Every structure is written in structure tokens, then in C-alpha cells.
């Protein structure tokens, strides 16, 4: 079965695995459970940090009404692993977006550490009260580690995207990261974690694009570098460090800006735009899952009415360097102001 067909099945109701478990299979399941417990103990024993400050507030010294950006999802959207709000992905994206748009950006973060996709509905309820222009969603890792049914995960994600898009809010989803890069996870669990997370990322893409949003593959964020460079992880060896979050923000920013029409076209010319192709959505999702930084968004193809499923456009940009926000350009605002 190809990754495209597997992603289509996951997005439409199939589950991980299947079939009976023999003696050898039972032994493997026991081994995997023990490895999972060991990895969890390692992560928990090294975790010393609480959630960083939210960073909610207004970024940029520009006049005019602000762009309202909301952050939804799990600990990756919270920025767990850093101690300063300036290094969280929401603040990094908001401050850079303000410079690109030459407008202030108001950030409101509703992400919750430990969240799975079924908790997005409550986050969307709170986000819609802020009348957002764009939502950045980072979700999926906890769905894999908790063994949530993929069909359940993508259904909740698709519902969240649809509600936001129906309210006039653009949505960019950073899909499930590659859990095969997590050091505390040993083989063979690491191999399976990589497969499960990439399959979920592809299924997320199909669901999000069908709901009107766009996705960006976070994958291993920096490919082989993230898998080998310990500085990309925080002390718990599970969540990214400041450098890791900057890498994630750098691949999300172009899609966020483009969704609002403020991404400079000149930056997509020549070598800065690595790939710009149109494929059936399942093929596009499978391609993006294994290529970090690939954006997938809905598109139409004239004369392709008989093709199986909708079509999607893939773009793969060179990541944009992002620096931490200047505190002098930040105005702290409570949510609801």
C-alpha cells in the first residue's frame, strides 16, 4: 500500500494496524509498551520547565488595526521547552509577520500542553471570540503517543479548520512532527513512531485541505540535522529548544504570510521556491509528509473533473531566518481586551 492510499484510508476512517496478534506479535507489543514507558520516564525525569509565558500582546510599532493571530494546539504551539516568550513559535511568527505586513499583529494563544486533537474544539470556541484573521495550529504528537485513532484525530482537526474558515479566519496547520527523531525512543519503537507520525501527518493534510486550510510539513524540522543535533532539543530531549522553535517558525511563517496576502512574491522567485507543483490531494499529502517545510493548499485544475479526489498545490520554500522579538516593540494585552 502506498503512503498516499494509506493516508486516504486514515483520513476517511481506517485505524493503525489491524488483524490478529500471534505469539510473536504479542511479544513485540510487550516490548513496544516497555520501550514507551522507558521513553516516557526519561522525558519526565528531564523535564524541569513549566509552560513559558504566553506572549499574548501586540507586536510591531505600526499604525492601523492589528492582524489577529491565534495559536492553537499542543505543547509545540505553547513553546514548552523554552523559558522566555520571545522564543516561542507564536511570538516568533507574530513579530516577523508584523514586519512583513507593516501592520501590528495581535497574538492570542489558546494552545494547551498535552492536548490531543479532540481538545481543539474548546480552543476554537475561545479563539473565535477574538475574531481572528489567521490561526496557526500545531497538533498531532500527543495523538500518536496516546495511540488515538487517526480517524478520530483528523475528524477533530478538520472540524476545527472548517469552523475557523467559515468564520473568515485563514488556517495554517503544522502537521505532526517526525517522532522518529526523539532520542529517548529506542528501536524498534522509533521506526514505528516515525511511520505512525508521517502517516498521521499525511492524513492531516488531506483533512485540512479538504476543509479549506493549508498545511506545512514540520517533519523533523531540519531533517537530518534535527535528528543528530542535540541543541535542537530542550533538556527533556522531547520538546524543541529555542533553536528548534525558530526552525519551526521559519517554515510556518511564509505560509501564514501568504494566506493573508502579505508574503512578498519576490521571495518566491528563483531558488527561494524549491518546488511548486499540483497533484491529487492524496499524492500531495504523501509527498509533503516526508519533506519538511512543504506547504499544501487547495487548488483547482481545469478539466480534471474525472480525477480521483480534489487537487492540491505543493510549495517548498527555503526557510526564512527569524530573530526573537524586540521587547520594545511588544505591547502586552490580556485576552479579551
Protein backbone atom coordinates (compact mmCIF):
# COMPACT_ATOMS: atom_id res chain seq x y z
CA UNK A 1 0.00 0.00 0.00
CA UNK A 2 1.40 3.42 -0.96
CA UNK A 3 1.63 6.25 1.56
CA UNK A 4 -0.96 8.17 -0.50
CA UNK A 5 -3.52 5.37 -0.28
CA UNK A 6 -2.69 4.78 3.40
CA UNK A 7 -3.17 8.48 4.15
CA UNK A 8 -6.50 8.46 2.32
CA UNK A 9 -7.66 5.48 4.39
CA UNK A 10 -6.54 7.06 7.65
CA UNK A 11 -8.27 10.32 6.79
CA UNK A 12 -11.52 8.55 5.97
CA UNK A 13 -11.79 6.16 8.89
CA UNK A 14 -9.15 3.43 8.95
CA UNK A 15 -7.06 2.72 12.05
CA UNK A 16 -3.44 1.93 12.70
CA UNK A 17 -2.53 -1.69 12.27
CA UNK A 18 -5.20 -4.35 12.29
CA UNK A 19 -5.61 -8.08 12.29
CA UNK A 20 -4.88 -10.62 14.99
CA UNK A 21 -1.80 -10.81 17.17
CA UNK A 22 0.09 -14.10 17.40
CA UNK A 23 2.71 -15.12 19.92
CA UNK A 24 5.49 -13.25 18.14
CA UNK A 25 3.22 -10.25 17.74
CA UNK A 26 2.30 -10.31 21.41
CA UNK A 27 5.97 -10.36 22.38
CA UNK A 28 6.60 -7.35 20.13
CA UNK A 29 3.66 -5.48 21.64
CA UNK A 30 5.04 -6.11 25.12
CA UNK A 31 8.47 -4.86 24.04
CA UNK A 32 6.99 -1.72 22.50
CA UNK A 33 5.00 -0.97 25.63
CA UNK A 34 8.10 -1.29 27.78
CA UNK A 35 10.07 0.97 25.43
CA UNK A 36 7.26 3.52 25.50
CA UNK A 37 7.24 3.51 29.32
CA UNK A 38 11.02 3.89 29.41
CA UNK A 39 10.92 6.81 26.96
CA UNK A 40 8.17 8.49 28.98
CA UNK A 41 10.16 8.11 32.21
CA UNK A 42 13.24 9.62 30.55
CA UNK A 43 11.32 12.62 29.26
CA UNK A 44 9.55 13.22 32.58
CA UNK A 45 12.76 12.89 34.61
CA UNK A 46 14.48 15.53 32.47
CA UNK A 47 11.57 17.95 32.37
CA UNK A 48 12.18 20.85 34.72
CA UNK A 49 10.35 23.63 32.94
CA UNK A 50 6.77 24.81 33.16
CA UNK A 51 4.96 26.43 30.25
CA UNK A 52 6.64 29.67 29.17
CA UNK A 53 4.78 33.00 29.38
CA UNK A 54 2.04 33.19 26.73
CA UNK A 55 3.46 36.19 24.90
CA UNK A 56 -0.08 37.43 24.28
CA UNK A 57 0.05 41.00 23.09
CA UNK A 58 0.60 43.37 20.18
CA UNK A 59 3.74 43.19 18.03
CA UNK A 60 5.17 45.86 15.73
CA UNK A 61 5.15 49.64 16.02
CA UNK A 62 2.90 50.17 13.03
CA UNK A 63 -0.32 52.17 12.90
CA UNK A 64 -3.70 50.74 11.99
CA UNK A 65 -5.85 47.87 13.11
CA UNK A 66 -3.89 44.76 14.03
CA UNK A 67 -3.89 41.40 12.34
CA UNK A 68 -5.26 38.99 14.93
CA UNK A 69 -3.34 35.71 15.03
CA UNK A 70 -4.28 32.83 17.30
CA UNK A 71 -2.12 29.86 18.26
CA UNK A 72 -3.89 26.53 18.81
CA UNK A 73 -2.71 23.02 19.51
CA UNK A 74 -0.40 21.27 21.96
CA UNK A 75 2.88 21.95 23.77
CA UNK A 76 4.66 22.68 20.49
CA UNK A 77 2.31 25.65 19.94
CA UNK A 78 2.75 26.66 23.60
CA UNK A 79 6.54 26.62 23.24
CA UNK A 80 7.22 24.19 26.07
CA UNK A 81 10.98 23.76 26.41
CA UNK A 82 11.92 27.45 26.48
CA UNK A 83 11.59 29.83 29.41
CA UNK A 84 11.10 33.11 27.55
CA UNK A 85 8.04 34.04 25.48
CA UNK A 86 10.24 35.65 22.82
CA UNK A 87 11.47 32.21 21.71
CA UNK A 88 8.07 30.55 21.42
CA UNK A 89 6.76 29.90 17.89
CA UNK A 90 3.74 32.17 18.30
CA UNK A 91 5.81 35.19 19.27
CA UNK A 92 8.45 34.48 16.61
CA UNK A 93 5.80 34.28 13.88
CA UNK A 94 3.79 37.27 15.14
CA UNK A 95 6.78 39.59 15.32
CA UNK A 96 8.04 38.59 11.86
CA UNK A 97 4.54 38.82 10.38
CA UNK A 98 4.22 42.39 11.65
CA UNK A 99 7.35 43.36 9.72
CA UNK A 100 6.18 41.66 6.53
CA UNK A 101 2.68 43.15 6.69
CA UNK A 102 3.83 46.50 8.07
CA UNK A 103 0.88 46.27 10.42
CA UNK A 104 0.66 45.42 14.10
CA UNK A 105 -0.10 41.80 14.92
CA UNK A 106 -2.09 40.85 17.98
CA UNK A 107 -1.24 37.38 19.29
CA UNK A 108 -3.67 35.32 21.35
CA UNK A 109 -2.51 31.86 22.39
CA UNK A 110 -5.03 29.16 23.32
CA UNK A 111 -2.83 26.08 22.86
CA UNK A 112 -2.58 23.69 25.83
CA UNK A 113 0.35 21.44 26.68
CA UNK A 114 -0.60 17.78 26.40
CA UNK A 115 -3.56 18.47 24.13
CA UNK A 116 -4.73 15.94 21.59
CA UNK A 117 -6.87 16.85 18.59
CA UNK A 118 -10.12 16.25 20.47
CA UNK A 119 -9.34 19.33 22.58
CA UNK A 120 -9.23 21.66 19.60
CA UNK A 121 -12.97 22.29 19.72
CA UNK A 122 -12.73 24.09 23.06
CA UNK A 123 -9.70 26.05 21.86
CA UNK A 124 -11.59 27.16 18.75
CA UNK A 125 -14.50 28.33 20.92
CA UNK A 126 -12.17 30.68 22.75
CA UNK A 127 -10.29 31.73 19.62
CA UNK A 128 -13.40 32.75 17.70
CA UNK A 129 -14.25 35.24 20.43
CA UNK A 130 -11.11 37.15 19.35
CA UNK A 131 -12.31 37.42 15.70
CA UNK A 132 -9.02 36.06 14.33
CA UNK A 133 -7.64 36.76 10.88
CA UNK A 134 -5.32 33.74 10.88
CA UNK A 135 -4.89 30.67 13.05
CA UNK A 136 -1.72 28.62 13.40
CA UNK A 137 -2.34 25.07 14.61
CA UNK A 138 0.41 22.70 15.77
CA UNK A 139 -1.01 19.31 16.75
CA UNK A 140 -0.51 15.58 16.40
CA UNK A 141 2.36 14.32 18.54
CA UNK A 142 0.16 13.54 21.54
CA UNK A 143 -2.34 11.77 19.29
CA UNK A 144 0.43 9.40 18.25
CA UNK A 145 1.86 8.85 21.72
CA UNK A 146 -1.61 8.28 23.19
CA UNK A 147 -2.49 5.93 20.30
CA UNK A 148 -5.59 7.94 19.42
CA UNK A 149 -7.41 6.56 16.39
CA UNK A 150 -6.20 8.51 13.33
CA UNK A 151 -9.74 8.88 12.04
CA UNK A 152 -10.73 10.49 15.34
CA UNK A 153 -7.73 12.81 15.29
CA UNK A 154 -8.24 14.07 11.75
CA UNK A 155 -12.00 14.45 12.23
CA UNK A 156 -11.49 16.81 15.16
CA UNK A 157 -8.80 18.70 13.27
CA UNK A 158 -10.96 19.03 10.16
CA UNK A 159 -13.90 20.28 12.25
CA UNK A 160 -11.67 22.92 13.85
CA UNK A 161 -10.35 24.10 10.49
CA UNK A 162 -13.83 24.22 9.00
CA UNK A 163 -15.20 26.30 11.87
CA UNK A 164 -12.35 28.78 11.62
CA UNK A 165 -12.52 29.06 7.83
CA UNK A 166 -16.32 29.53 7.96
CA UNK A 167 -15.70 32.44 10.33
CA UNK A 168 -13.37 34.09 7.79
CA UNK A 169 -10.15 33.02 9.50
CA UNK A 170 -7.27 31.63 7.43
CA UNK A 171 -5.79 28.43 8.85
CA UNK A 172 -2.25 27.09 8.65
CA UNK A 173 -1.59 23.72 10.27
CA UNK A 174 1.87 22.48 11.18
CA UNK A 175 1.36 18.75 10.80
CA UNK A 176 2.52 16.03 13.19
CA UNK A 177 6.30 16.13 13.67
CA UNK A 178 8.52 13.14 13.00
CA UNK A 179 8.71 11.33 16.33
CA UNK A 180 11.47 9.14 14.94
CA UNK A 181 13.91 11.93 15.84
CA UNK A 182 13.14 11.72 19.57
CA UNK A 183 16.24 10.40 21.34
CA UNK A 184 14.59 8.64 24.31
CA UNK A 185 12.62 6.45 21.89
CA UNK A 186 14.58 3.31 21.00
CA UNK A 187 14.30 0.85 18.14
CA UNK A 188 12.02 -0.75 17.07
CA UNK A 189 9.61 1.77 18.61
CA UNK A 190 11.47 4.64 16.94
CA UNK A 191 10.86 3.12 13.49
CA UNK A 192 7.16 2.69 14.23
CA UNK A 193 6.87 6.17 15.76
CA UNK A 194 8.31 7.64 12.57
CA UNK A 195 5.91 5.66 10.41
CA UNK A 196 2.86 6.48 12.56
CA UNK A 197 3.67 10.18 12.75
CA UNK A 198 4.30 10.51 9.00
CA UNK A 199 1.10 8.63 8.22
CA UNK A 200 -0.84 10.91 10.56
CA UNK A 201 0.78 14.00 9.00
CA UNK A 202 -0.35 12.87 5.54
CA UNK A 203 -3.88 12.16 6.77
CA UNK A 204 -3.98 15.56 8.50
CA UNK A 205 -3.06 17.23 5.22
CA UNK A 206 -5.89 15.56 3.33
CA UNK A 207 -8.41 16.56 6.01
CA UNK A 208 -7.17 20.14 6.40
CA UNK A 209 -7.00 20.91 2.68
CA UNK A 210 -10.48 19.43 2.17
CA UNK A 211 -11.72 21.77 4.93
CA UNK A 212 -10.20 24.81 3.19
CA UNK A 213 -6.98 25.27 5.14
CA UNK A 214 -3.36 24.71 4.24
CA UNK A 215 -0.66 22.61 5.90
CA UNK A 216 3.08 22.83 6.37
CA UNK A 217 5.06 19.68 7.00
CA UNK A 218 7.10 20.08 10.17
CA UNK A 219 8.56 16.60 9.83
CA UNK A 220 11.92 16.67 11.54
CA UNK A 221 12.03 20.48 11.05
CA UNK A 222 15.65 20.42 9.91
CA UNK A 223 15.75 16.89 8.52
CA UNK A 224 18.97 15.03 9.45
CA UNK A 225 20.23 17.99 11.46
CA UNK A 226 17.33 17.78 13.91
CA UNK A 227 17.90 14.05 14.30
CA UNK A 228 21.60 14.46 15.13
CA UNK A 229 21.99 17.89 16.74
CA UNK A 230 21.14 17.78 20.45
CA UNK A 231 20.97 21.58 20.62
CA UNK A 232 17.70 21.47 18.67
CA UNK A 233 16.01 19.81 21.67
CA UNK A 234 15.34 21.18 25.15
CA UNK A 235 16.58 19.45 28.30
CA UNK A 236 13.79 16.84 28.25
CA UNK A 237 15.00 15.63 24.81
CA UNK A 238 11.40 15.65 23.54
CA UNK A 239 10.41 19.28 23.07
CA UNK A 240 12.37 21.68 20.84
CA UNK A 241 14.85 24.20 22.18
CA UNK A 242 14.82 27.88 21.21
CA UNK A 243 16.76 26.94 18.06
CA UNK A 244 14.27 24.19 17.30
CA UNK A 245 11.27 26.50 17.64
CA UNK A 246 12.97 29.10 15.46
CA UNK A 247 13.38 26.43 12.79
CA UNK A 248 9.69 25.51 13.02
CA UNK A 249 8.61 29.17 12.89
CA UNK A 250 10.81 29.78 9.85
CA UNK A 251 8.96 27.17 7.78
CA UNK A 252 5.50 28.23 9.02
CA UNK A 253 5.92 32.00 8.53
CA UNK A 254 5.82 32.05 4.68
CA UNK A 255 2.54 30.13 4.63
CA UNK A 256 0.98 32.31 7.32
CA UNK A 257 2.00 35.48 5.47
CA UNK A 258 0.92 34.09 2.10
CA UNK A 259 -2.51 33.13 3.44
CA UNK A 260 -3.01 36.81 4.33
CA UNK A 261 -1.57 38.08 1.03
CA UNK A 262 1.47 39.75 2.58
CA UNK A 263 4.23 37.33 1.55
CA UNK A 264 6.49 39.16 -0.95
CA UNK A 265 6.28 37.50 -4.36
CA UNK A 266 9.94 38.32 -4.94
CA UNK A 267 10.91 35.84 -2.24
CA UNK A 268 9.27 33.03 -4.23
CA UNK A 269 11.27 33.71 -7.38
CA UNK A 270 14.31 31.76 -8.44
CA UNK A 271 15.94 29.40 -5.98
CA UNK A 272 13.89 30.51 -2.98
CA UNK A 273 10.93 28.48 -4.26
CA UNK A 274 12.19 24.93 -4.41
CA UNK A 275 9.01 23.27 -5.60
CA UNK A 276 5.64 24.43 -6.96
CA UNK A 277 3.59 21.56 -8.33
CA UNK A 278 -0.02 20.43 -8.47
CA UNK A 279 -1.04 16.87 -7.59
CA UNK A 280 -4.12 14.94 -6.46
CA UNK A 281 -4.53 15.66 -2.77
CA UNK A 282 -3.58 12.19 -1.51
CA UNK A 283 -0.35 12.20 -3.53
CA UNK A 284 0.40 15.74 -2.39
CA UNK A 285 -0.14 14.76 1.24
CA UNK A 286 2.13 11.73 0.97
CA UNK A 287 4.84 13.78 -0.73
CA UNK A 288 4.71 16.53 1.87
CA UNK A 289 4.81 14.16 4.86
CA UNK A 290 8.38 13.16 4.06
CA UNK A 291 9.63 16.62 3.07
CA UNK A 292 9.93 19.15 5.86
CA UNK A 293 8.74 22.65 5.08
CA UNK A 294 6.42 21.64 2.23
CA UNK A 295 3.17 23.59 2.10
CA UNK A 296 -0.01 22.03 0.72
CA UNK A 297 -3.03 24.15 -0.11
CA UNK A 298 -6.26 23.55 -2.04
CA UNK A 299 -6.37 24.40 -5.73
CA UNK A 300 -8.46 23.68 -8.81
CA UNK A 301 -7.36 22.08 -12.07
CA UNK A 302 -9.34 22.83 -15.18
CA UNK A 303 -10.53 19.72 -16.98
CA UNK A 304 -9.63 17.41 -14.11
CA UNK A 305 -13.17 16.61 -13.08
CA UNK A 306 -12.71 12.88 -13.59
CA UNK A 307 -9.55 12.64 -11.48
CA UNK A 308 -9.84 10.88 -8.14
CA UNK A 309 -10.32 13.38 -5.34
CA UNK A 310 -9.57 17.13 -5.19
CA UNK A 311 -6.27 18.68 -6.18
CA UNK A 312 -3.66 20.44 -4.09
CA UNK A 313 -0.67 22.68 -4.74
CA UNK A 314 2.69 21.90 -3.14
CA UNK A 315 5.19 24.63 -2.39
CA UNK A 316 8.53 24.14 -0.71
CA UNK A 317 10.30 27.33 0.25
CA UNK A 318 13.72 27.91 1.69
CA UNK A 319 13.14 28.63 5.42
CA UNK A 320 13.21 32.31 6.39
CA UNK A 321 15.55 33.35 9.19
CA UNK A 322 13.61 34.68 12.18
CA UNK A 323 15.02 36.56 15.16
CA UNK A 324 13.47 36.97 18.61
CA UNK A 325 11.05 39.85 19.08
CA UNK A 326 12.37 43.21 20.25
CA UNK A 327 10.79 43.80 23.69
CA UNK A 328 10.49 47.50 22.86
CA UNK A 329 8.05 46.62 20.07
CA UNK A 330 5.76 44.47 22.20
CA UNK A 331 2.63 45.69 23.99
CA UNK A 332 1.26 43.12 26.43
CA UNK A 333 -2.50 42.66 26.21
CA UNK A 334 -4.75 40.28 28.13
CA UNK A 335 -7.00 38.06 26.03
CA UNK A 336 -10.42 39.59 25.62
CA UNK A 337 -9.22 43.21 25.54
